[in-house]
């Protein structure tokens, strides 16, 4: 079975769990904003755990969950703040539910870890240091009033963005002192500058 087919099967399986979760009392404990995000949160988590961490649901563990929630999702996921605010409450209730229903053997332990790192998930989603290159670019475009889903607008924005970054890089580079003829050549050859790159 290829990875794409396996991922589709996993998402179908977890979608069924989400449908049961939505019918549960646990789901009713979520606020309306979190209820709206619940399906996306669980399925994105499932997809990222498989695609970036090689984990099937029955293999989910605390270490990979933490890395996924604190690094992978903030780096890869372009979403409104409401999505990131929903991750902790949704996953905590869903994972506890999944263990009680017999879907996951360690759901309660996973839920405890999500609860423990919840504040950091939201902080990392807001911090550009945790964003990947594509997300950083899309966020910069959005802040500039550009629609990241418009290829023509993005092409123009990327050109301007690259020029701005090159300008900032050149300004930040310290000026190199000019080598004198009898100085060691800056290329590291061990020769005098006049006998090497200064010819």
N, C-alpha and C. Protein backbone atom coordinates (compact mmCIF):
# COMPACT_ATOMS: atom_id res chain seq x y z
N UNK A 1 0.84 -1.18 0.00
CA UNK A 1 0.00 0.00 0.00
C UNK A 1 0.89 1.25 0.00
N UNK A 2 0.61 2.19 -0.90
CA UNK A 2 1.43 3.40 -0.94
C UNK A 2 1.02 4.34 0.19
N UNK A 3 1.89 5.32 0.46
CA UNK A 3 1.66 6.21 1.60
C UNK A 3 0.38 7.02 1.48
N UNK A 4 0.08 7.47 0.27
CA UNK A 4 -1.12 8.29 0.08
C UNK A 4 -2.38 7.48 0.40
N UNK A 5 -2.41 6.24 -0.07
CA UNK A 5 -3.56 5.37 0.20
C UNK A 5 -3.66 5.07 1.68
N UNK A 6 -2.49 4.80 2.31
CA UNK A 6 -2.49 4.50 3.75
C UNK A 6 -2.99 5.72 4.53
N UNK A 7 -2.53 6.92 4.15
CA UNK A 7 -2.99 8.13 4.84
C UNK A 7 -4.50 8.31 4.68
N UNK A 8 -5.02 8.09 3.48
CA UNK A 8 -6.47 8.19 3.27
C UNK A 8 -7.23 7.24 4.19
N UNK A 9 -6.71 6.00 4.31
CA UNK A 9 -7.36 5.01 5.19
C UNK A 9 -7.32 5.46 6.65
N UNK A 10 -6.18 6.01 7.07
CA UNK A 10 -6.04 6.49 8.45
C UNK A 10 -7.01 7.64 8.71
N UNK A 11 -7.07 8.59 7.78
CA UNK A 11 -7.96 9.73 7.96
C UNK A 11 -9.43 9.29 7.99
N UNK A 12 -9.78 8.29 7.17
CA UNK A 12 -11.15 7.75 7.20
C UNK A 12 -11.45 7.15 8.57
N UNK A 13 -10.48 6.38 9.10
CA UNK A 13 -10.66 5.74 10.40
C UNK A 13 -10.84 6.80 11.50
N UNK A 14 -9.96 7.80 11.52
CA UNK A 14 -10.02 8.82 12.57
C UNK A 14 -11.25 9.71 12.37
N UNK A 15 -11.66 9.92 11.13
CA UNK A 15 -12.89 10.68 10.88
C UNK A 15 -14.09 9.99 11.55
N UNK A 16 -14.12 8.65 11.47
CA UNK A 16 -15.19 7.91 12.14
C UNK A 16 -15.14 8.14 13.65
N UNK A 17 -13.93 8.18 14.22
CA UNK A 17 -13.79 8.45 15.65
C UNK A 17 -14.31 9.85 15.97
N UNK A 18 -13.97 10.81 15.09
CA UNK A 18 -14.41 12.20 15.30
C UNK A 18 -15.94 12.27 15.27
N UNK A 19 -16.56 11.55 14.35
CA UNK A 19 -18.04 11.55 14.28
C UNK A 19 -18.63 11.04 15.59
N UNK A 20 -18.04 9.97 16.16
CA UNK A 20 -18.50 9.47 17.46
C UNK A 20 -18.25 10.51 18.55
N UNK A 21 -17.11 11.17 18.49
CA UNK A 21 -16.75 12.21 19.46
C UNK A 21 -17.78 13.35 19.42
N UNK A 22 -18.17 13.75 18.22
CA UNK A 22 -19.12 14.86 18.07
C UNK A 22 -20.48 14.51 18.70
N UNK A 23 -20.81 13.23 18.74
CA UNK A 23 -22.08 12.80 19.34
C UNK A 23 -21.96 12.61 20.85
N UNK A 24 -20.77 12.79 21.40
CA UNK A 24 -20.54 12.50 22.82
C UNK A 24 -20.78 13.72 23.71
N UNK A 25 -20.90 13.45 25.02
CA UNK A 25 -20.99 14.53 26.00
C UNK A 25 -19.70 15.34 26.05
N UNK A 26 -18.57 14.68 25.79
CA UNK A 26 -17.28 15.39 25.80
C UNK A 26 -17.28 16.55 24.81
N UNK A 27 -17.82 16.30 23.63
CA UNK A 27 -17.86 17.35 22.61
C UNK A 27 -18.69 18.54 23.11
N UNK A 28 -19.76 18.26 23.84
CA UNK A 28 -20.60 19.32 24.37
C UNK A 28 -19.89 20.20 25.38
N UNK A 29 -18.78 19.73 25.94
CA UNK A 29 -18.00 20.52 26.90
C UNK A 29 -17.14 21.57 26.20
N UNK A 30 -17.00 21.47 24.88
CA UNK A 30 -16.23 22.46 24.12
C UNK A 30 -17.10 23.69 23.84
N UNK A 31 -16.48 24.85 23.81
CA UNK A 31 -17.20 26.05 23.41
C UNK A 31 -17.49 26.02 21.92
N UNK A 32 -18.39 26.87 21.44
CA UNK A 32 -18.76 26.88 20.02
C UNK A 32 -17.57 27.06 19.07
N UNK A 33 -16.64 27.93 19.43
CA UNK A 33 -15.46 28.16 18.56
C UNK A 33 -14.65 26.87 18.42
N UNK A 34 -14.45 26.18 19.56
CA UNK A 34 -13.66 24.95 19.53
C UNK A 34 -14.42 23.83 18.82
N UNK A 35 -15.74 23.79 18.98
CA UNK A 35 -16.53 22.79 18.27
C UNK A 35 -16.38 22.96 16.75
N UNK A 36 -16.40 24.22 16.30
CA UNK A 36 -16.27 24.49 14.86
C UNK A 36 -14.92 24.00 14.32
N UNK A 37 -13.90 24.02 15.16
CA UNK A 37 -12.54 23.67 14.72
C UNK A 37 -12.20 22.20 14.97
N UNK A 38 -13.04 21.49 15.72
CA UNK A 38 -12.67 20.16 16.22
C UNK A 38 -12.26 19.18 15.12
N UNK A 39 -13.07 19.06 14.10
CA UNK A 39 -12.75 18.10 13.04
C UNK A 39 -11.42 18.44 12.37
N UNK A 40 -11.21 19.72 12.03
CA UNK A 40 -9.96 20.13 11.39
C UNK A 40 -8.76 19.87 12.29
N UNK A 41 -8.90 20.20 13.58
CA UNK A 41 -7.79 20.01 14.52
C UNK A 41 -7.38 18.54 14.58
N UNK A 42 -8.34 17.66 14.78
CA UNK A 42 -8.03 16.23 14.94
C UNK A 42 -7.46 15.65 13.64
N UNK A 43 -8.08 15.98 12.51
CA UNK A 43 -7.61 15.39 11.25
C UNK A 43 -6.26 15.96 10.82
N UNK A 44 -6.01 17.24 11.08
CA UNK A 44 -4.69 17.80 10.77
C UNK A 44 -3.63 17.17 11.65
N UNK A 45 -3.93 17.04 12.94
CA UNK A 45 -2.99 16.37 13.85
C UNK A 45 -2.69 14.95 13.35
N UNK A 46 -3.72 14.23 12.97
CA UNK A 46 -3.56 12.86 12.47
C UNK A 46 -2.68 12.84 11.22
N UNK A 47 -2.97 13.74 10.28
CA UNK A 47 -2.19 13.80 9.04
C UNK A 47 -0.73 14.15 9.31
N UNK A 48 -0.48 15.12 10.17
CA UNK A 48 0.89 15.53 10.45
C UNK A 48 1.65 14.46 11.22
N UNK A 49 0.98 13.76 12.13
CA UNK A 49 1.64 12.68 12.86
C UNK A 49 2.08 11.57 11.90
N UNK A 50 1.29 11.35 10.87
CA UNK A 50 1.67 10.33 9.88
C UNK A 50 2.71 10.87 8.90
N UNK A 51 2.44 12.03 8.30
CA UNK A 51 3.28 12.54 7.21
C UNK A 51 4.66 13.01 7.68
N UNK A 52 4.74 13.60 8.86
CA UNK A 52 6.00 14.16 9.33
C UNK A 52 6.66 13.36 10.45
N UNK A 53 5.90 12.48 11.09
CA UNK A 53 6.45 11.73 12.21
C UNK A 53 6.34 10.22 12.02
N UNK A 54 5.75 9.79 10.90
CA UNK A 54 5.67 8.37 10.58
C UNK A 54 4.83 7.56 11.55
N UNK A 55 3.85 8.19 12.19
CA UNK A 55 3.09 7.54 13.24
C UNK A 55 1.66 7.20 12.81
N UNK A 56 1.30 5.92 12.93
CA UNK A 56 -0.09 5.51 12.81
C UNK A 56 -0.78 5.82 14.15
N UNK A 57 -2.09 5.97 14.18
CA UNK A 57 -2.75 6.30 15.45
C UNK A 57 -2.38 5.36 16.60
N UNK A 58 -2.29 4.07 16.33
CA UNK A 58 -1.96 3.14 17.42
C UNK A 58 -0.50 3.28 17.89
N UNK A 59 0.30 4.04 17.14
CA UNK A 59 1.71 4.27 17.53
C UNK A 59 1.93 5.64 18.16
N UNK A 60 0.90 6.48 18.22
CA UNK A 60 1.07 7.81 18.78
C UNK A 60 1.68 7.72 20.17
N UNK A 61 2.70 8.53 20.40
CA UNK A 61 3.34 8.54 21.71
C UNK A 61 3.60 9.97 22.13
N UNK A 62 3.92 10.15 23.40
CA UNK A 62 4.05 11.48 23.99
C UNK A 62 5.15 12.29 23.30
N UNK A 63 6.29 11.67 23.02
CA UNK A 63 7.40 12.40 22.43
C UNK A 63 7.04 12.95 21.04
N UNK A 64 6.47 12.10 20.19
CA UNK A 64 6.11 12.55 18.84
C UNK A 64 4.95 13.55 18.87
N UNK A 65 4.00 13.32 19.78
CA UNK A 65 2.90 14.26 19.92
C UNK A 65 3.43 15.65 20.28
N UNK A 66 4.35 15.71 21.23
CA UNK A 66 4.89 17.00 21.66
C UNK A 66 5.62 17.69 20.51
N UNK A 67 6.43 16.94 19.78
CA UNK A 67 7.14 17.54 18.65
C UNK A 67 6.17 18.03 17.57
N UNK A 68 5.13 17.24 17.32
CA UNK A 68 4.15 17.62 16.31
C UNK A 68 3.42 18.91 16.72
N UNK A 69 2.99 18.97 17.99
CA UNK A 69 2.20 20.12 18.45
C UNK A 69 3.04 21.38 18.64
N UNK A 70 4.29 21.22 19.08
CA UNK A 70 5.12 22.38 19.39
C UNK A 70 5.96 22.86 18.21
N UNK A 71 6.24 21.96 17.26
CA UNK A 71 7.12 22.33 16.15
C UNK A 71 6.45 22.18 14.79
N UNK A 72 5.95 20.99 14.48
CA UNK A 72 5.46 20.74 13.13
C UNK A 72 4.22 21.58 12.81
N UNK A 73 3.23 21.57 13.68
CA UNK A 73 2.00 22.31 13.39
C UNK A 73 2.27 23.82 13.31
N UNK A 74 2.99 24.41 14.29
CA UNK A 74 3.28 25.85 14.13
C UNK A 74 4.10 26.17 12.88
N UNK A 75 5.00 25.24 12.47
CA UNK A 75 5.85 25.49 11.31
C UNK A 75 5.08 25.38 10.00
N UNK A 76 4.16 24.45 9.94
CA UNK A 76 3.51 24.13 8.67
C UNK A 76 2.11 24.71 8.50
N UNK A 77 1.40 24.89 9.60
CA UNK A 77 -0.03 25.19 9.52
C UNK A 77 -0.27 26.69 9.41
N UNK A 78 -0.88 27.08 8.30
CA UNK A 78 -1.28 28.47 8.10
C UNK A 78 -2.76 28.54 8.44
N UNK A 79 -3.08 29.14 9.59
CA UNK A 79 -4.47 29.19 10.04
C UNK A 79 -4.68 30.42 10.91
N UNK A 80 -5.94 30.75 11.11
CA UNK A 80 -6.27 31.85 12.00
C UNK A 80 -5.98 31.44 13.45
N UNK A 81 -5.85 32.44 14.30
CA UNK A 81 -5.54 32.18 15.71
C UNK A 81 -6.57 31.28 16.36
N UNK A 82 -7.84 31.37 15.96
CA UNK A 82 -8.89 30.53 16.55
C UNK A 82 -8.55 29.04 16.42
N UNK A 83 -7.92 28.68 15.31
CA UNK A 83 -7.52 27.28 15.11
C UNK A 83 -6.52 26.86 16.18
N UNK A 84 -5.49 27.67 16.39
CA UNK A 84 -4.44 27.33 17.35
C UNK A 84 -4.97 27.37 18.79
N UNK A 85 -5.93 28.25 19.07
CA UNK A 85 -6.55 28.29 20.40
C UNK A 85 -7.35 27.02 20.66
N UNK A 86 -7.81 26.38 19.60
CA UNK A 86 -8.66 25.19 19.74
C UNK A 86 -7.87 23.90 19.89
N UNK A 87 -6.60 23.90 19.54
CA UNK A 87 -5.83 22.65 19.55
C UNK A 87 -5.87 21.96 20.91
N UNK A 88 -5.53 22.69 21.96
CA UNK A 88 -5.44 22.06 23.28
C UNK A 88 -6.79 21.54 23.78
N UNK A 89 -7.84 22.37 23.84
CA UNK A 89 -9.10 21.82 24.37
C UNK A 89 -9.66 20.67 23.52
N UNK A 90 -9.52 20.77 22.21
CA UNK A 90 -10.06 19.71 21.35
C UNK A 90 -9.28 18.42 21.53
N UNK A 91 -7.94 18.49 21.44
CA UNK A 91 -7.16 17.25 21.55
C UNK A 91 -7.28 16.63 22.93
N UNK A 92 -7.30 17.44 23.98
CA UNK A 92 -7.43 16.88 25.33
C UNK A 92 -8.71 16.05 25.44
N UNK A 93 -9.84 16.63 25.05
CA UNK A 93 -11.11 15.90 25.17
C UNK A 93 -11.19 14.73 24.19
N UNK A 94 -10.70 14.95 22.97
CA UNK A 94 -10.76 13.88 21.97
C UNK A 94 -9.91 12.68 22.38
N UNK A 95 -8.68 12.93 22.84
CA UNK A 95 -7.78 11.82 23.18
C UNK A 95 -8.29 11.05 24.40
N UNK A 96 -8.81 11.75 25.40
CA UNK A 96 -9.43 11.06 26.54
C UNK A 96 -10.61 10.20 26.07
N UNK A 97 -11.45 10.77 25.22
CA UNK A 97 -12.59 10.05 24.66
C UNK A 97 -12.12 8.81 23.89
N UNK A 98 -11.08 8.97 23.08
CA UNK A 98 -10.60 7.86 22.24
C UNK A 98 -10.11 6.69 23.09
N UNK A 99 -9.51 6.97 24.24
CA UNK A 99 -9.10 5.85 25.11
C UNK A 99 -10.33 5.19 25.74
N UNK A 100 -11.26 5.97 26.25
CA UNK A 100 -12.46 5.40 26.87
C UNK A 100 -13.25 4.52 25.90
N UNK A 101 -13.24 4.93 24.61
CA UNK A 101 -13.98 4.17 23.60
C UNK A 101 -13.18 2.98 23.06
N UNK A 102 -11.92 2.85 23.49
CA UNK A 102 -11.09 1.73 23.04
C UNK A 102 -10.40 1.97 21.71
N UNK A 103 -10.41 3.21 21.20
CA UNK A 103 -9.74 3.52 19.94
C UNK A 103 -8.22 3.62 20.13
N UNK A 104 -7.82 4.18 21.26
CA UNK A 104 -6.40 4.37 21.58
C UNK A 104 -6.11 3.78 22.96
N UNK A 105 -4.96 3.13 23.08
CA UNK A 105 -4.61 2.54 24.38
C UNK A 105 -4.07 3.58 25.35
N UNK A 106 -3.47 4.65 24.82
CA UNK A 106 -2.78 5.63 25.68
C UNK A 106 -3.34 7.04 25.52
N UNK A 107 -4.61 7.15 25.16
CA UNK A 107 -5.20 8.46 24.92
C UNK A 107 -5.13 9.39 26.11
N UNK A 108 -5.33 8.87 27.33
CA UNK A 108 -5.32 9.71 28.52
C UNK A 108 -3.92 10.30 28.76
N UNK A 109 -2.88 9.50 28.55
CA UNK A 109 -1.50 10.00 28.72
C UNK A 109 -1.20 11.08 27.68
N UNK A 110 -1.66 10.86 26.46
CA UNK A 110 -1.46 11.86 25.41
C UNK A 110 -2.21 13.15 25.75
N UNK A 111 -3.43 13.00 26.25
CA UNK A 111 -4.24 14.17 26.62
C UNK A 111 -3.55 14.97 27.73
N UNK A 112 -2.99 14.27 28.73
CA UNK A 112 -2.28 14.97 29.81
C UNK A 112 -1.11 15.78 29.28
N UNK A 113 -0.41 15.22 28.29
CA UNK A 113 0.75 15.94 27.74
C UNK A 113 0.30 17.17 26.96
N UNK A 114 -0.78 17.03 26.20
CA UNK A 114 -1.30 18.19 25.46
C UNK A 114 -1.71 19.29 26.45
N UNK A 115 -2.37 18.91 27.53
CA UNK A 115 -2.79 19.88 28.53
C UNK A 115 -1.57 20.60 29.10
N UNK A 116 -0.50 19.85 29.36
CA UNK A 116 0.73 20.41 29.95
C UNK A 116 1.42 21.41 29.02
N UNK A 117 1.41 21.15 27.71
CA UNK A 117 2.13 22.02 26.76
C UNK A 117 1.21 23.01 26.05
N UNK A 118 -0.06 23.05 26.43
CA UNK A 118 -1.05 23.85 25.70
C UNK A 118 -0.66 25.30 25.49
N UNK A 119 -0.17 25.95 26.52
CA UNK A 119 0.21 27.37 26.41
C UNK A 119 1.32 27.55 25.38
N UNK A 120 2.26 26.59 25.34
CA UNK A 120 3.39 26.69 24.41
C UNK A 120 2.97 26.46 22.96
N UNK A 121 1.94 25.64 22.76
CA UNK A 121 1.44 25.44 21.39
C UNK A 121 0.98 26.77 20.82
N UNK A 122 0.20 27.50 21.59
CA UNK A 122 -0.31 28.79 21.12
C UNK A 122 0.82 29.79 20.95
N UNK A 123 1.75 29.84 21.91
CA UNK A 123 2.89 30.77 21.81
C UNK A 123 3.71 30.49 20.56
N UNK A 124 4.00 29.22 20.30
CA UNK A 124 4.83 28.86 19.14
C UNK A 124 4.12 29.19 17.83
N UNK A 125 2.80 29.08 17.82
CA UNK A 125 2.07 29.39 16.58
C UNK A 125 2.16 30.88 16.25
N UNK A 126 2.37 31.72 17.28
CA UNK A 126 2.46 33.17 17.08
C UNK A 126 3.89 33.64 16.80
N UNK A 127 4.87 32.82 17.08
CA UNK A 127 6.27 33.21 17.04
C UNK A 127 6.90 32.88 15.69
N UNK A 128 7.30 33.90 14.91
CA UNK A 128 7.88 33.63 13.58
C UNK A 128 9.12 32.73 13.60
N UNK A 129 9.79 32.63 14.75
CA UNK A 129 10.96 31.74 14.82
C UNK A 129 10.57 30.27 14.63
N UNK A 130 9.31 29.95 14.85
CA UNK A 130 8.84 28.57 14.72
C UNK A 130 8.18 28.31 13.37
N UNK A 131 8.10 29.33 12.52
CA UNK A 131 7.46 29.16 11.22
C UNK A 131 8.45 28.65 10.19
N UNK A 132 7.98 27.81 9.27
CA UNK A 132 8.78 27.40 8.14
C UNK A 132 8.85 28.53 7.11
N UNK A 133 9.68 28.36 6.10
CA UNK A 133 9.87 29.40 5.08
C UNK A 133 8.57 29.72 4.35
N UNK A 134 7.84 28.68 3.96
CA UNK A 134 6.60 28.91 3.21
C UNK A 134 5.58 29.65 4.07
N UNK A 135 5.46 29.26 5.35
CA UNK A 135 4.51 29.94 6.23
C UNK A 135 4.95 31.38 6.47
N UNK A 136 6.25 31.61 6.68
CA UNK A 136 6.74 32.97 6.90
C UNK A 136 6.39 33.86 5.72
N UNK A 137 6.58 33.34 4.52
CA UNK A 137 6.28 34.10 3.31
C UNK A 137 4.78 34.39 3.20
N UNK A 138 3.97 33.38 3.46
CA UNK A 138 2.52 33.55 3.38
C UNK A 138 2.02 34.54 4.43
N UNK A 139 2.59 34.47 5.63
CA UNK A 139 2.19 35.40 6.69
C UNK A 139 2.60 36.82 6.34
N UNK A 140 3.80 36.99 5.78
CA UNK A 140 4.26 38.32 5.37
C UNK A 140 3.34 38.87 4.28
N UNK A 141 2.94 38.01 3.36
CA UNK A 141 2.04 38.44 2.29
C UNK A 141 0.69 38.88 2.87
N UNK A 142 0.16 38.09 3.78
CA UNK A 142 -1.12 38.43 4.40
C UNK A 142 -1.04 39.77 5.12
N UNK A 143 0.05 39.97 5.86
CA UNK A 143 0.22 41.24 6.59
C UNK A 143 0.35 42.42 5.63
N UNK A 144 0.84 42.16 4.41
CA UNK A 144 0.98 43.22 3.41
C UNK A 144 -0.31 43.42 2.60
N UNK A 145 -1.35 42.66 2.96
CA UNK A 145 -2.62 42.81 2.26
C UNK A 145 -2.72 41.99 0.98
N UNK A 146 -1.82 41.02 0.81
CA UNK A 146 -1.81 40.16 -0.38
C UNK A 146 -2.56 38.87 -0.07
N UNK A 147 -3.32 38.39 -1.03
CA UNK A 147 -4.02 37.12 -0.88
C UNK A 147 -3.07 35.99 -1.29
N UNK A 148 -2.60 35.16 -0.31
CA UNK A 148 -1.64 34.10 -0.64
C UNK A 148 -2.16 33.06 -1.63
N UNK A 149 -3.48 33.00 -1.82
CA UNK A 149 -4.03 32.02 -2.76
C UNK A 149 -4.08 32.55 -4.19
N UNK A 150 -3.68 33.81 -4.40
CA UNK A 150 -3.67 34.41 -5.74
C UNK A 150 -2.26 34.31 -6.31
N UNK A 151 -2.03 33.41 -7.30
CA UNK A 151 -0.68 33.19 -7.81
C UNK A 151 -0.02 34.45 -8.39
N UNK A 152 -0.78 35.27 -9.11
CA UNK A 152 -0.20 36.47 -9.71
C UNK A 152 0.24 37.46 -8.64
N UNK A 153 -0.62 37.69 -7.65
CA UNK A 153 -0.25 38.59 -6.55
C UNK A 153 0.96 38.06 -5.80
N UNK A 154 0.98 36.75 -5.55
CA UNK A 154 2.09 36.16 -4.80
C UNK A 154 3.40 36.25 -5.57
N UNK A 155 3.33 36.09 -6.88
CA UNK A 155 4.56 36.18 -7.69
C UNK A 155 5.18 37.57 -7.56
N UNK A 156 4.35 38.60 -7.66
CA UNK A 156 4.85 39.97 -7.50
C UNK A 156 5.35 40.21 -6.08
N UNK A 157 4.62 39.69 -5.10
CA UNK A 157 5.03 39.87 -3.72
C UNK A 157 6.37 39.19 -3.46
N UNK A 158 6.54 37.97 -3.97
CA UNK A 158 7.79 37.22 -3.74
C UNK A 158 8.97 37.96 -4.33
N UNK A 159 8.80 38.54 -5.51
CA UNK A 159 9.90 39.32 -6.11
C UNK A 159 10.27 40.50 -5.22
N UNK A 160 9.28 41.24 -4.75
CA UNK A 160 9.54 42.39 -3.88
C UNK A 160 10.13 41.93 -2.55
N UNK A 161 9.62 40.83 -2.03
CA UNK A 161 10.11 40.29 -0.75
C UNK A 161 11.57 39.88 -0.85
N UNK A 162 11.92 39.19 -1.96
CA UNK A 162 13.31 38.76 -2.15
C UNK A 162 14.25 39.96 -2.28
N UNK A 163 13.81 41.00 -2.97
CA UNK A 163 14.64 42.21 -3.09
C UNK A 163 14.84 42.86 -1.72
N UNK A 164 13.78 42.91 -0.93
CA UNK A 164 13.87 43.51 0.41
C UNK A 164 14.83 42.69 1.29
N UNK A 165 14.72 41.35 1.23
CA UNK A 165 15.59 40.50 2.05
C UNK A 165 17.04 40.62 1.62
N UNK A 166 17.29 40.70 0.31
CA UNK A 166 18.67 40.86 -0.19
C UNK A 166 19.25 42.19 0.27
N UNK A 167 18.42 43.24 0.23
CA UNK A 167 18.87 44.56 0.68
C UNK A 167 19.22 44.52 2.17
N UNK A 168 18.37 43.89 2.97
CA UNK A 168 18.64 43.80 4.41
C UNK A 168 19.88 42.97 4.68
N UNK A 169 20.07 41.91 3.92
CA UNK A 169 21.26 41.06 4.10
C UNK A 169 22.52 41.85 3.77
N UNK A 170 22.50 42.58 2.66
CA UNK A 170 23.68 43.35 2.26
C UNK A 170 24.00 44.44 3.27
N UNK A 171 22.97 45.08 3.84
CA UNK A 171 23.20 46.11 4.85
C UNK A 171 23.79 45.52 6.12
N UNK A 172 23.42 44.26 6.43
CA UNK A 172 23.88 43.64 7.67
C UNK A 172 25.29 43.08 7.57
N UNK A 173 25.78 42.88 6.35
CA UNK A 173 27.12 42.32 6.16
C UNK A 173 28.17 43.38 6.50
N UNK A 174 29.13 43.04 7.38
CA UNK A 174 30.18 44.01 7.68
C UNK A 174 31.08 44.20 6.47
N UNK A 175 31.54 45.42 6.30
CA UNK A 175 32.45 45.71 5.18
C UNK A 175 33.77 44.97 5.40
N UNK A 176 34.25 44.33 4.36
CA UNK A 176 35.52 43.60 4.45
C UNK A 176 36.68 44.57 4.24
N UNK A 177 37.69 44.54 5.12
CA UNK A 177 38.84 45.43 4.90
C UNK A 177 39.57 45.01 3.64
N UNK A 178 40.05 45.98 2.91
CA UNK A 178 40.77 45.70 1.67
C UNK A 178 42.15 45.13 2.00
N UNK A 179 42.46 44.02 1.34
CA UNK A 179 43.76 43.39 1.58
C UNK A 179 44.87 44.21 0.92
N UNK A 180 46.00 44.37 1.64
CA UNK A 180 47.18 45.04 1.06
C UNK A 180 48.02 44.00 0.34
N UNK A 181 48.88 44.42 -0.58
CA UNK A 181 49.63 43.47 -1.41
C UNK A 181 50.40 42.40 -0.63
N UNK A 182 50.98 42.75 0.52
CA UNK A 182 51.79 41.77 1.26
C UNK A 182 51.03 41.05 2.36
N UNK A 183 49.73 41.33 2.50
CA UNK A 183 48.90 40.62 3.50
C UNK A 183 48.64 39.19 3.02
N UNK A 184 48.38 38.27 3.99
CA UNK A 184 47.95 36.93 3.57
C UNK A 184 46.66 37.04 2.77
N UNK A 185 46.54 36.25 1.74
CA UNK A 185 45.34 36.33 0.90
C UNK A 185 44.12 35.88 1.69
N UNK A 186 43.02 36.66 1.64
CA UNK A 186 41.81 36.29 2.39
C UNK A 186 41.18 34.98 1.94
N UNK A 187 41.58 34.43 0.79
CA UNK A 187 40.99 33.17 0.34
C UNK A 187 41.49 31.98 1.14
N UNK A 188 42.56 32.20 1.94
CA UNK A 188 43.07 31.12 2.78
C UNK A 188 44.12 30.26 2.12
N UNK A 189 44.66 30.69 0.99
CA UNK A 189 45.65 29.87 0.28
C UNK A 189 47.00 29.82 0.99
N UNK A 190 47.26 30.82 1.85
CA UNK A 190 48.56 30.90 2.52
C UNK A 190 49.56 31.76 1.76
N UNK A 191 49.19 32.17 0.56
CA UNK A 191 50.07 33.03 -0.23
C UNK A 191 49.78 34.49 0.10
N UNK A 192 50.73 35.36 -0.31
CA UNK A 192 50.47 36.79 -0.19
C UNK A 192 49.39 37.17 -1.19
N UNK A 193 48.63 38.20 -0.80
CA UNK A 193 47.53 38.66 -1.65
C UNK A 193 47.99 39.00 -3.06
N UNK A 194 49.18 39.67 -3.17
CA UNK A 194 49.66 40.09 -4.49
C UNK A 194 50.05 38.91 -5.37
N UNK A 195 50.34 37.75 -4.75
CA UNK A 195 50.74 36.56 -5.52
C UNK A 195 49.55 35.62 -5.77
N UNK A 196 48.38 36.01 -5.23
CA UNK A 196 47.21 35.09 -5.34
C UNK A 196 46.04 35.84 -5.98
N UNK A 197 45.04 36.16 -5.20
CA UNK A 197 43.82 36.78 -5.75
C UNK A 197 44.04 38.24 -6.16
N UNK A 198 45.13 38.87 -5.71
CA UNK A 198 45.38 40.27 -6.04
C UNK A 198 46.08 40.47 -7.35
N UNK A 199 46.34 39.41 -8.11
CA UNK A 199 47.04 39.55 -9.38
C UNK A 199 46.16 40.21 -10.43
